[in-house]
C-alpha atoms as a PDB file:
ATOM      1  CA  MET A   1     -13.139   1.935   5.161  1.00  0.00           C
ATOM      2  CA  ASN A   2     -15.282   4.371   3.226  1.00  0.00           C
ATOM      3  CA  GLU A   3     -13.916   7.693   4.383  1.00  0.00           C
ATOM      4  CA  ILE A   4     -10.395   8.838   5.115  1.00  0.00           C
ATOM      5  CA  GLU A   5      -9.826  11.796   7.371  1.00  0.00           C
ATOM      6  CA  VAL A   6      -6.777  13.884   6.474  1.00  0.00           C
ATOM      7  CA  ILE A   7      -4.966  15.493   9.382  1.00  0.00           C
ATOM      8  CA  ALA A   8      -1.878  17.662   8.925  1.00  0.00           C
ATOM      9  CA  THR A   9       0.490  17.597  11.884  1.00  0.00           C
ATOM     10  CA  ALA A  10       4.136  18.197  12.678  1.00  0.00           C
ATOM     11  CA  TRP A  11       6.458  15.187  12.535  1.00  0.00           C
ATOM     12  CA  GLY A  12       7.160  13.806  16.005  1.00  0.00           C
ATOM     13  CA  SER A  13       4.438  15.785  17.749  1.00  0.00           C
ATOM     14  CA  GLU A  14       2.086  14.146  20.250  1.00  0.00           C
ATOM     15  CA  LEU A  15      -0.702  14.045  17.644  1.00  0.00           C
ATOM     16  CA  HIS A  16       1.672  12.431  15.142  1.00  0.00           C
ATOM     17  CA  LYS A  17       2.662   9.750  17.676  1.00  0.00           C
ATOM     18  CA  GLN A  18      -1.012   9.107  18.444  1.00  0.00           C
ATOM     19  CA  LEU A  19      -1.841   8.724  14.742  1.00  0.00           C
ATOM     20  CA  ILE A  20       1.079   6.305  14.230  1.00  0.00           C
ATOM     21  CA  ALA A  21      -0.102   4.239  17.216  1.00  0.00           C
ATOM     22  CA  GLU A  22      -3.667   4.132  15.838  1.00  0.00           C
ATOM     23  CA  GLU A  23      -2.400   3.065  12.411  1.00  0.00           C
ATOM     24  CA  HIS A  24      -0.326   0.291  13.983  1.00  0.00           C
ATOM     25  CA  ALA A  25      -3.304  -0.904  16.047  1.00  0.00           C
ATOM     26  CA  ALA A  26      -5.469  -1.001  12.917  1.00  0.00           C
ATOM     27  CA  ARG A  27      -2.844  -3.035  11.044  1.00  0.00           C
ATOM     28  CA  VAL A  28      -2.530  -5.521  13.900  1.00  0.00           C
ATOM     29  CA  ALA A  29      -6.323  -5.823  14.161  1.00  0.00           C
ATOM     30  CA  TYR A  30      -6.595  -6.551  10.417  1.00  0.00           C
ATOM     31  CA  ARG A  31      -3.653  -8.962  10.463  1.00  0.00           C
ATOM     32  CA  ASN A  32      -5.408 -11.041  13.120  1.00  0.00           C
ATOM     33  CA  SER A  33      -8.835 -10.876  11.450  1.00  0.00           C
ATOM     34  CA  PRO A  34     -10.546 -13.774   9.639  1.00  0.00           C
ATOM     35  CA  GLU A  35     -10.485 -11.724   6.414  1.00  0.00           C
ATOM     36  CA  ALA A  36      -6.686 -11.511   6.510  1.00  0.00           C
ATOM     37  CA  TRP A  37      -6.364 -15.251   7.114  1.00  0.00           C
ATOM     38  CA  GLU A  38      -8.714 -15.943   4.190  1.00  0.00           C
ATOM     39  CA  GLU A  39      -6.716 -13.626   1.930  1.00  0.00           C
ATOM     40  CA  ALA A  40      -3.462 -15.365   2.929  1.00  0.00           C
ATOM     41  CA  ARG A  41      -5.030 -18.767   2.226  1.00  0.00           C
ATOM     42  CA  ARG A  42      -6.197 -17.668  -1.238  1.00  0.00           C
ATOM     43  CA  MET A  43      -2.767 -16.234  -2.065  1.00  0.00           C
ATOM     44  CA  LYS A  44      -1.108 -19.505  -1.007  1.00  0.00           C
ATOM     45  CA  GLU A  45      -3.451 -21.534  -3.231  1.00  0.00           C
ATOM     46  CA  ALA A  46      -3.006 -19.198  -6.223  1.00  0.00           C
ATOM     47  CA  GLY A  47       0.325 -20.709  -7.223  1.00  0.00           C
ATOM     48  CA  PRO A  48       3.356 -19.015  -8.724  1.00  0.00           C
ATOM     49  CA  LEU A  49       3.102 -15.822 -10.745  1.00  0.00           C
ATOM     50  CA  LYS A  50       3.842 -16.291 -14.442  1.00  0.00           C
ATOM     51  CA  ILE A  51       5.672 -13.459 -16.208  1.00  0.00           C
ATOM     52  CA  ASP A  52       5.581 -12.991 -19.985  1.00  0.00           C
ATOM     53  CA  TRP A  53       9.157 -11.862 -20.673  1.00  0.00           C
ATOM     54  CA  SER A  54       8.518 -11.537 -24.409  1.00  0.00           C
ATOM     55  CA  LEU A  55       6.901  -8.141 -23.830  1.00  0.00           C
ATOM     56  CA  ALA A  56       9.917  -6.920 -21.890  1.00  0.00           C
ATOM     57  CA  LEU A  57      12.485  -8.272 -24.334  1.00  0.00           C
ATOM     58  CA  ASN A  58      10.682  -7.363 -27.563  1.00  0.00           C
ATOM     59  CA  LYS A  59      12.133  -4.071 -28.841  1.00  0.00           C
ATOM     60  CA  LYS A  60       8.993  -3.416 -30.893  1.00  0.00           C
ATOM     61  CA  SER A  61       6.767  -3.496 -27.833  1.00  0.00           C
ATOM     62  CA  PRO A  62       4.943  -0.254 -27.113  1.00  0.00           C
ATOM     63  CA  THR A  63       6.521   1.954 -24.500  1.00  0.00           C
ATOM     64  CA  ARG A  64       4.522   2.473 -21.368  1.00  0.00           C
ATOM     65  CA  LYS A  65       4.480   5.722 -19.477  1.00  0.00           C
ATOM     66  CA  THR A  66       4.797   5.544 -15.729  1.00  0.00           C
ATOM     67  CA  SER A  67       3.275   8.227 -13.575  1.00  0.00           C
ATOM     68  CA  ILE A  68       5.709   9.897 -11.225  1.00  0.00           C
ATOM     69  CA  TYR A  69       4.401  11.359  -8.009  1.00  0.00           C
ATOM     70  CA  VAL A  70       6.375  14.068  -6.273  1.00  0.00           C
ATOM     71  CA  TRP A  71       5.947  14.533  -2.545  1.00  0.00           C
ATOM     72  CA  SER A  72       5.916  18.104  -1.340  1.00  0.00           C
ATOM     73  CA  GLU A  73       5.853  19.454   2.174  1.00  0.00           C
ATOM     74  CA  MET A  74       2.474  20.498   3.493  1.00  0.00           C
ATOM     75  CA  SER A  75       2.243  23.807   5.258  1.00  0.00           C
ATOM     76  CA  VAL A  76       0.651  23.314   8.651  1.00  0.00           C
END
């Protein structure tokens, strides 16, 4: 996917329902693709995730700023 087309539409409209159906079809197509199966196989072989709790528990650790995104209504 190189380009993403942005379409503004009213919630629940026919166009909105069509876009939701297309998104669902794309997800199902990817889920059943060989690439998805390969990704699942690699994730299974990766093993458990190791977490370094010393950074979270150390009071002298640098604070990290988290970006906060605010959703606003689009005018159609």
